[in-house]
Amino acid sequence: MVVPLAGAACALLLAALAEWLQARRVRRMGRLAFGPAGARRWTIVVPFFRVLSLAAIAWSLLTLLMALAGGGGAATPQPRRNAETVFLVLDYSPSMMIADAGPDAKKLTRKQRMRDVVNAIVDRLGEHVDYSLVCFYTRAYPICEKVSDRRVVRNVLNDLPIEVAMENGPTDLGRSVNEALQRAAAMDGNRPKYGKHSITFILVTDGDTLELPELREVPDTIRRTLVLGVGDVEKSVAWNGHLSRQEPSTLRFIARRLAGEYVDVNAKHLSSAAMSTLLPPLGGVAGAGVSRTGVAIGLFAVLAALYALVPVCQEFWGSGWRVVPRRASREETP
């Protein structure tokens, strides 16, 4: 914060000095440039606008540069306690090994399709969020918590053999969701682990499960919920003594209960419209409104455009004086 303010102060002083020198020249040459009536009244504000605009543009550029450099030059790193968190709850049950998923003739297993979908989400979200990862089968197994490096998520998805550590039995989606919700509402001493409305809760599963129990109330730490379904929704496959397919009715029920949205991602990735509502703008903090980075981008775009328009406005509307070439009379024509 200190560096952008110092840069803005320097720009303000230099611009003010330049405008003062320009004002001295205008006082001497004003009648020649603007005619006997002089410049129009509104042009009085132009020097002040230019000085303040250059200072604000300098602040915006230095703020964006600091954000791009990861806050280099700050005395103390800012805590990420209330950072936005993507809470991934992923199905690792045996039915996820059925090959009926993907856009290419459904040649992928459901687990591979889940990996592709989650990797695409992580790539599009970037580095400005934390990730908490829970995998489930008969119950939920926490894998990592509030990790800012998305490579950790990719490492888990790329065939890390988590199944060997899981207890065998029937898939219990309801119990696993309840345990994941409990972790989202967990306390760290006397304070919640996650800030209020700081979690985007994403459940990826085929919905093949035991009968669902009563689901817990959604904690106020969760801002939005997405239930993503993988697996063929029409054709069932014989698996482990029963017919297995993606269960849209089950997934829609869970989505309604969690005040979220169900999306079938078996053939298509999550849409850009859905992605745009997942998280606040880059650099945002949960509950903090518009981020400093967002303000810098908006301020720079608006002021740079207005600054560029000032000379155009001065040329056409800055004075009533117009210099036109004198037409030669017929007597002067050779």
Protein backbone atom coordinates (compact mmCIF):
# COMPACT_ATOMS: atom_id res chain seq x y z
CA MET A 1 0.00 0.00 0.00
CA VAL A 2 2.90 2.40 0.75
CA VAL A 3 4.56 2.09 -2.67
CA PRO A 4 1.41 2.95 -4.72
CA LEU A 5 0.67 5.95 -2.50
CA ALA A 6 4.27 7.21 -2.76
CA GLY A 7 4.18 6.81 -6.55
CA ALA A 8 0.86 8.68 -6.73
CA ALA A 9 2.29 11.52 -4.62
CA CYS A 10 5.33 11.84 -6.93
CA ALA A 11 3.11 11.85 -10.01
CA LEU A 12 0.90 14.51 -8.40
CA LEU A 13 3.86 16.84 -7.70
CA LEU A 14 5.42 16.41 -11.15
CA ALA A 15 2.10 16.90 -12.93
CA ALA A 16 1.32 20.00 -10.82
CA LEU A 17 4.72 21.50 -11.71
CA ALA A 18 4.16 20.78 -15.42
CA GLU A 19 0.68 22.34 -15.35
CA TRP A 20 2.04 25.45 -13.60
CA LEU A 21 4.67 25.93 -16.32
CA GLN A 22 2.00 25.38 -18.98
CA ALA A 23 -0.28 27.95 -17.32
CA ARG A 24 2.50 30.57 -17.52
CA ARG A 25 2.85 29.97 -21.26
CA VAL A 26 -0.93 30.12 -21.79
CA ARG A 27 -1.14 33.51 -20.04
CA ARG A 28 1.38 34.95 -22.53
CA MET A 29 0.11 33.26 -25.69
CA GLY A 30 -3.56 32.77 -24.86
CA ARG A 31 -5.00 35.40 -27.18
CA LEU A 32 -3.01 34.07 -30.10
CA ALA A 33 -4.15 30.49 -29.43
CA PHE A 34 -7.77 31.10 -28.34
CA GLY A 35 -8.71 34.44 -29.89
CA PRO A 36 -9.78 37.71 -28.26
CA ALA A 37 -12.50 36.03 -26.14
CA GLY A 38 -10.04 33.50 -24.73
CA ALA A 39 -10.75 29.87 -23.83
CA ARG A 40 -14.18 28.80 -22.62
CA ARG A 41 -14.85 28.66 -18.88
CA TRP A 42 -15.04 24.87 -18.56
CA THR A 43 -11.35 24.55 -19.53
CA ILE A 44 -10.38 26.01 -16.12
CA VAL A 45 -10.87 22.55 -14.57
CA VAL A 46 -8.65 20.76 -17.12
CA PRO A 47 -5.30 21.30 -15.33
CA PHE A 48 -6.72 20.08 -12.02
CA PHE A 49 -8.29 17.07 -13.73
CA ARG A 50 -5.01 16.15 -15.45
CA VAL A 51 -3.02 16.40 -12.22
CA LEU A 52 -5.45 14.24 -10.23
CA SER A 53 -5.89 11.77 -13.11
CA LEU A 54 -2.15 11.19 -13.48
CA ALA A 55 -1.83 10.63 -9.73
CA ALA A 56 -4.72 8.13 -9.73
CA ILE A 57 -3.38 6.34 -12.83
CA ALA A 58 0.04 6.03 -11.18
CA TRP A 59 -1.61 4.56 -8.05
CA SER A 60 -3.60 2.08 -10.17
CA LEU A 61 -0.59 0.89 -12.18
CA LEU A 62 1.59 0.45 -9.08
CA THR A 63 -1.23 -1.39 -7.28
CA LEU A 64 -1.61 -3.80 -10.21
CA LEU A 65 2.16 -4.24 -10.43
CA MET A 66 2.32 -5.08 -6.71
CA ALA A 67 -0.54 -7.57 -7.12
CA LEU A 68 1.17 -9.17 -10.12
CA ALA A 69 4.40 -9.50 -8.15
CA GLY A 70 2.56 -11.15 -5.27
CA GLY A 71 2.71 -8.12 -3.02
CA GLY A 72 6.50 -7.78 -3.23
CA GLY A 73 7.81 -4.95 -1.06
CA ALA A 74 5.13 -5.26 1.61
CA ALA A 75 6.48 -5.31 5.13
CA THR A 76 4.26 -8.11 6.33
CA PRO A 77 2.41 -10.73 4.27
CA GLN A 78 -1.35 -10.39 4.49
CA PRO A 79 -3.13 -13.26 6.28
CA ARG A 80 -5.32 -15.55 4.16
CA ARG A 81 -7.60 -16.58 7.02
CA ASN A 82 -10.74 -15.23 5.36
CA ALA A 83 -9.67 -16.00 1.79
CA GLU A 84 -12.23 -17.50 -0.54
CA THR A 85 -12.13 -21.31 -0.43
CA VAL A 86 -13.21 -23.89 -2.99
CA PHE A 87 -14.38 -26.92 -1.00
CA LEU A 88 -14.17 -29.97 -3.30
CA VAL A 89 -16.06 -33.12 -2.28
CA LEU A 90 -15.14 -35.91 -4.71
CA ASP A 91 -16.61 -39.39 -5.19
CA TYR A 92 -14.00 -42.19 -5.04
CA SER A 93 -16.44 -45.09 -4.81
CA PRO A 94 -15.98 -48.21 -7.05
CA SER A 95 -18.85 -47.16 -9.36
CA MET A 96 -16.68 -44.22 -10.48
CA MET A 97 -14.57 -46.75 -12.43
CA ILE A 98 -17.42 -47.45 -14.87
CA ALA A 99 -16.53 -46.26 -18.40
CA ASP A 100 -19.66 -44.39 -19.52
CA ALA A 101 -18.52 -40.76 -19.31
CA GLY A 102 -17.06 -38.05 -21.50
CA PRO A 103 -18.05 -36.35 -24.76
CA ASP A 104 -16.05 -38.73 -26.98
CA ALA A 105 -18.43 -41.68 -27.29
CA LYS A 106 -18.39 -41.99 -23.49
CA LYS A 107 -15.05 -43.81 -23.40
CA LEU A 108 -13.86 -42.29 -20.12
CA THR A 109 -14.47 -43.66 -16.66
CA ARG A 110 -16.53 -41.49 -14.35
CA LYS A 111 -13.42 -40.90 -12.24
CA GLN A 112 -11.48 -39.68 -15.30
CA ARG A 113 -14.34 -37.37 -16.25
CA MET A 114 -14.41 -36.01 -12.69
CA ARG A 115 -10.66 -35.36 -12.93
CA ASP A 116 -11.06 -33.47 -16.23
CA VAL A 117 -13.95 -31.35 -14.93
CA VAL A 118 -12.26 -30.43 -11.65
CA ASN A 119 -8.94 -29.68 -13.37
CA ALA A 120 -10.76 -27.35 -15.77
CA ILE A 121 -12.43 -25.54 -12.85
CA VAL A 122 -9.13 -25.18 -10.99
CA ASP A 123 -7.38 -23.88 -14.12
CA ARG A 124 -10.06 -21.27 -14.72
CA LEU A 125 -10.15 -20.11 -11.10
CA GLY A 126 -6.39 -19.52 -10.98
CA GLU A 127 -4.17 -18.99 -7.93
CA HIS A 128 -6.21 -16.48 -5.92
CA VAL A 129 -8.21 -19.02 -3.88
CA ASP A 130 -7.60 -21.73 -1.30
CA TYR A 131 -8.64 -25.33 -1.84
CA SER A 132 -9.96 -27.84 0.67
CA LEU A 133 -10.34 -31.39 -0.63
CA VAL A 134 -12.50 -34.22 0.73
CA CYS A 135 -12.79 -37.64 -0.96
CA PHE A 136 -15.52 -40.10 -0.01
CA TYR A 137 -16.70 -43.70 -0.37
CA THR A 138 -18.34 -45.22 2.71
CA ARG A 139 -17.55 -41.97 4.53
CA ALA A 140 -15.68 -38.71 3.93
CA TYR A 141 -11.88 -38.61 4.09
CA PRO A 142 -10.25 -35.16 4.37
CA ILE A 143 -7.19 -34.92 2.13
CA CYS A 144 -6.03 -31.31 2.40
CA GLU A 145 -7.32 -28.10 3.91
CA LYS A 146 -6.96 -24.47 2.79
CA VAL A 147 -4.16 -25.16 0.31
CA SER A 148 -3.34 -22.26 -2.02
CA ASP A 149 -1.27 -24.34 -4.49
CA ARG A 150 -3.59 -25.84 -7.10
CA ARG A 151 -0.90 -28.37 -8.04
CA VAL A 152 -1.81 -30.23 -4.85
CA VAL A 153 -5.35 -30.71 -6.18
CA ARG A 154 -4.01 -31.91 -9.54
CA ASN A 155 -1.70 -34.38 -7.78
CA VAL A 156 -4.61 -35.91 -5.89
CA LEU A 157 -6.73 -36.18 -9.04
CA ASN A 158 -3.99 -37.67 -11.22
CA ASP A 159 -4.42 -41.24 -10.04
CA LEU A 160 -3.22 -40.85 -6.45
CA PRO A 161 -4.36 -44.22 -4.97
CA ILE A 162 -6.60 -42.80 -2.25
CA GLU A 163 -8.95 -45.82 -2.48
CA VAL A 164 -6.47 -48.12 -0.73
CA ALA A 165 -6.90 -46.12 2.49
CA MET A 166 -10.71 -46.19 2.37
CA GLU A 167 -12.97 -48.59 4.22
CA ASN A 168 -14.84 -51.03 1.96
CA GLY A 169 -18.62 -51.15 1.88
CA PRO A 170 -21.60 -49.55 0.16
CA THR A 171 -21.28 -45.95 -1.03
CA ASP A 172 -22.84 -43.60 1.52
CA LEU A 173 -23.23 -40.26 -0.21
CA GLY A 174 -25.52 -38.79 2.46
CA ARG A 175 -23.17 -39.52 5.34
CA SER A 176 -20.23 -38.18 3.35
CA VAL A 177 -22.02 -34.92 2.50
CA ASN A 178 -22.96 -34.46 6.16
CA GLU A 179 -19.36 -35.00 7.24
CA ALA A 180 -18.14 -32.54 4.59
CA LEU A 181 -20.67 -29.94 5.79
CA GLN A 182 -19.48 -30.52 9.33
CA ARG A 183 -15.90 -29.81 8.26
CA ALA A 184 -17.03 -26.65 6.47
CA ALA A 185 -18.54 -25.44 9.76
CA ALA A 186 -15.55 -26.54 11.91
CA MET A 187 -14.07 -24.27 14.56
CA ASP A 188 -10.41 -23.39 15.04
CA GLY A 189 -10.35 -22.77 18.77
CA ASN A 190 -12.95 -20.06 19.42
CA ARG A 191 -13.12 -18.94 15.79
CA PRO A 192 -14.53 -20.62 12.67
CA LYS A 193 -11.92 -22.13 10.35
CA TYR A 194 -13.64 -20.51 7.39
CA GLY A 195 -15.02 -16.98 7.11
CA LYS A 196 -18.70 -16.29 6.67
CA HIS A 197 -19.85 -16.91 3.08
CA SER A 198 -16.26 -17.71 2.07
CA ILE A 199 -16.78 -21.28 0.73
CA THR A 200 -17.82 -22.44 -2.70
CA PHE A 201 -18.94 -26.02 -2.03
CA ILE A 202 -18.56 -28.31 -5.09
CA LEU A 203 -19.76 -31.93 -4.93
CA VAL A 204 -18.80 -34.22 -7.85
CA THR A 205 -20.41 -37.67 -7.94
CA ASP A 206 -22.52 -40.10 -9.96
CA GLY A 207 -25.20 -40.21 -7.26
CA ASP A 208 -25.00 -44.03 -6.94
CA THR A 209 -25.54 -44.47 -3.20
CA LEU A 210 -27.53 -45.92 -0.33
CA GLU A 211 -30.78 -44.25 0.68
CA LEU A 212 -30.05 -40.69 1.72
CA PRO A 213 -30.34 -39.78 5.41
CA GLU A 214 -31.45 -36.37 6.67
CA LEU A 215 -28.89 -33.81 5.51
CA ARG A 216 -27.42 -31.22 7.85
CA GLU A 217 -28.26 -27.54 7.68
CA VAL A 218 -25.98 -25.60 5.35
CA PRO A 219 -23.50 -23.62 7.52
CA ASP A 220 -23.23 -19.87 6.98
CA THR A 221 -19.62 -20.35 5.86
CA ILE A 222 -20.91 -21.67 2.50
CA ARG A 223 -21.69 -19.00 -0.09
CA ARG A 224 -22.65 -21.21 -3.03
CA THR A 225 -23.13 -24.92 -3.74
CA LEU A 226 -22.72 -26.80 -7.00
CA VAL A 227 -23.61 -30.49 -7.43
CA LEU A 228 -21.90 -31.85 -10.55
CA GLY A 229 -23.03 -35.18 -11.99
CA VAL A 230 -20.87 -37.60 -13.99
CA GLY A 231 -21.91 -40.84 -15.70
CA ASP A 232 -24.56 -41.67 -18.29
CA VAL A 233 -28.01 -40.45 -17.20
CA GLU A 234 -29.91 -42.87 -19.47
CA LYS A 235 -28.09 -46.19 -19.79
CA SER A 236 -27.48 -48.25 -16.65
CA VAL A 237 -24.52 -50.59 -16.24
CA ALA A 238 -24.54 -53.77 -14.16
CA TRP A 239 -22.07 -53.20 -11.35
CA ASN A 240 -21.46 -54.99 -8.06
CA GLY A 241 -24.87 -56.65 -8.02
CA HIS A 242 -26.97 -53.66 -9.09
CA LEU A 243 -27.56 -51.32 -12.02
CA SER A 244 -25.53 -48.12 -11.85
CA ARG A 245 -25.95 -44.82 -13.69
CA GLN A 246 -25.87 -41.13 -12.88
CA GLU A 247 -28.88 -40.36 -10.68
CA PRO A 248 -30.16 -36.87 -11.58
CA SER A 249 -33.12 -37.08 -9.19
CA THR A 250 -30.83 -37.81 -6.24
CA LEU A 251 -28.39 -35.07 -7.21
CA ARG A 252 -31.16 -32.51 -7.74
CA PHE A 253 -32.55 -33.36 -4.29
CA ILE A 254 -29.12 -32.81 -2.70
CA ALA A 255 -28.67 -29.55 -4.61
CA ARG A 256 -32.08 -28.26 -3.43
CA ARG A 257 -31.34 -29.31 0.14
CA LEU A 258 -28.02 -27.47 0.06
CA ALA A 259 -29.61 -24.40 -1.60
CA GLY A 260 -27.43 -24.97 -4.66
CA GLU A 261 -27.56 -25.98 -8.30
CA TYR A 262 -27.24 -29.35 -10.05
CA VAL A 263 -25.30 -29.49 -13.34
CA ASP A 264 -24.76 -32.55 -15.53
CA VAL A 265 -21.09 -32.34 -16.60
CA ASN A 266 -20.84 -35.81 -18.10
CA ALA A 267 -20.42 -34.49 -21.66
CA LYS A 268 -19.85 -30.74 -21.23
CA HIS A 269 -17.73 -28.71 -18.84
CA LEU A 270 -19.17 -26.16 -16.45
CA SER A 271 -20.42 -23.18 -18.46
CA SER A 272 -18.76 -19.77 -18.35
CA ALA A 273 -21.95 -18.32 -16.86
CA ALA A 274 -21.78 -20.76 -13.95
CA MET A 275 -18.04 -20.18 -13.54
CA SER A 276 -18.48 -16.41 -13.39
CA THR A 277 -20.65 -16.70 -10.27
CA LEU A 278 -18.35 -19.05 -8.38
CA LEU A 279 -16.05 -16.50 -6.80
CA PRO A 280 -15.65 -12.74 -6.30
CA PRO A 281 -13.20 -10.78 -8.49
CA LEU A 282 -9.48 -11.42 -8.49
CA GLY A 283 -7.92 -10.24 -5.27
CA GLY A 284 -11.25 -10.14 -3.44
CA VAL A 285 -11.72 -11.14 0.18
CA ALA A 286 -14.91 -12.73 1.45
CA GLY A 287 -17.31 -10.10 2.76
CA ALA A 288 -15.04 -7.23 1.71
CA GLY A 289 -16.96 -6.04 -1.37
CA VAL A 290 -14.94 -4.81 -4.34
CA SER A 291 -11.23 -5.66 -4.11
CA ARG A 292 -8.38 -3.13 -4.27
CA THR A 293 -7.22 -4.77 -7.50
CA GLY A 294 -10.68 -4.38 -9.00
CA VAL A 295 -10.78 -0.71 -8.00
CA ALA A 296 -7.35 -0.17 -9.59
CA ILE A 297 -8.42 -1.78 -12.88
CA GLY A 298 -11.67 0.21 -13.04
CA LEU A 299 -10.02 3.50 -12.07
CA PHE A 300 -7.25 3.07 -14.62
CA ALA A 301 -9.65 2.20 -17.46
CA VAL A 302 -12.00 5.14 -16.79
CA LEU A 303 -9.38 7.82 -16.12
CA ALA A 304 -7.09 6.77 -18.99
CA ALA A 305 -10.04 7.00 -21.41
CA LEU A 306 -11.12 10.42 -20.07
CA TYR A 307 -7.53 11.71 -20.07
CA ALA A 308 -7.19 10.77 -23.74
CA LEU A 309 -10.47 12.56 -24.59
CA VAL A 310 -9.47 15.87 -22.98
CA PRO A 311 -7.36 17.14 -25.95
CA VAL A 312 -10.16 16.21 -28.35
CA CYS A 313 -12.71 18.17 -26.28
CA GLN A 314 -10.34 21.15 -26.08
CA GLU A 315 -9.82 21.13 -29.83
CA PHE A 316 -13.53 21.15 -30.74
CA TRP A 317 -15.20 22.87 -27.76
CA GLY A 318 -12.39 24.65 -25.91
CA SER A 319 -12.72 27.96 -27.75
CA GLY A 320 -14.95 29.76 -30.20
CA TRP A 321 -11.90 30.97 -32.15
CA ARG A 322 -11.31 29.18 -35.44
CA VAL A 323 -8.34 29.71 -37.74
CA VAL A 324 -9.30 29.17 -41.38
CA PRO A 325 -7.20 29.69 -44.50
CA ARG A 326 -7.97 32.90 -46.41
CA ARG A 327 -9.37 32.29 -49.86
CA ALA A 328 -7.61 34.21 -52.61
CA SER A 329 -9.76 36.82 -54.42
CA ARG A 330 -10.17 36.85 -58.18
CA GLU A 331 -7.92 39.91 -58.50
CA GLU A 332 -5.15 38.10 -56.65
CA THR A 333 -5.47 35.07 -58.90
CA PRO A 334 -2.64 35.06 -61.48
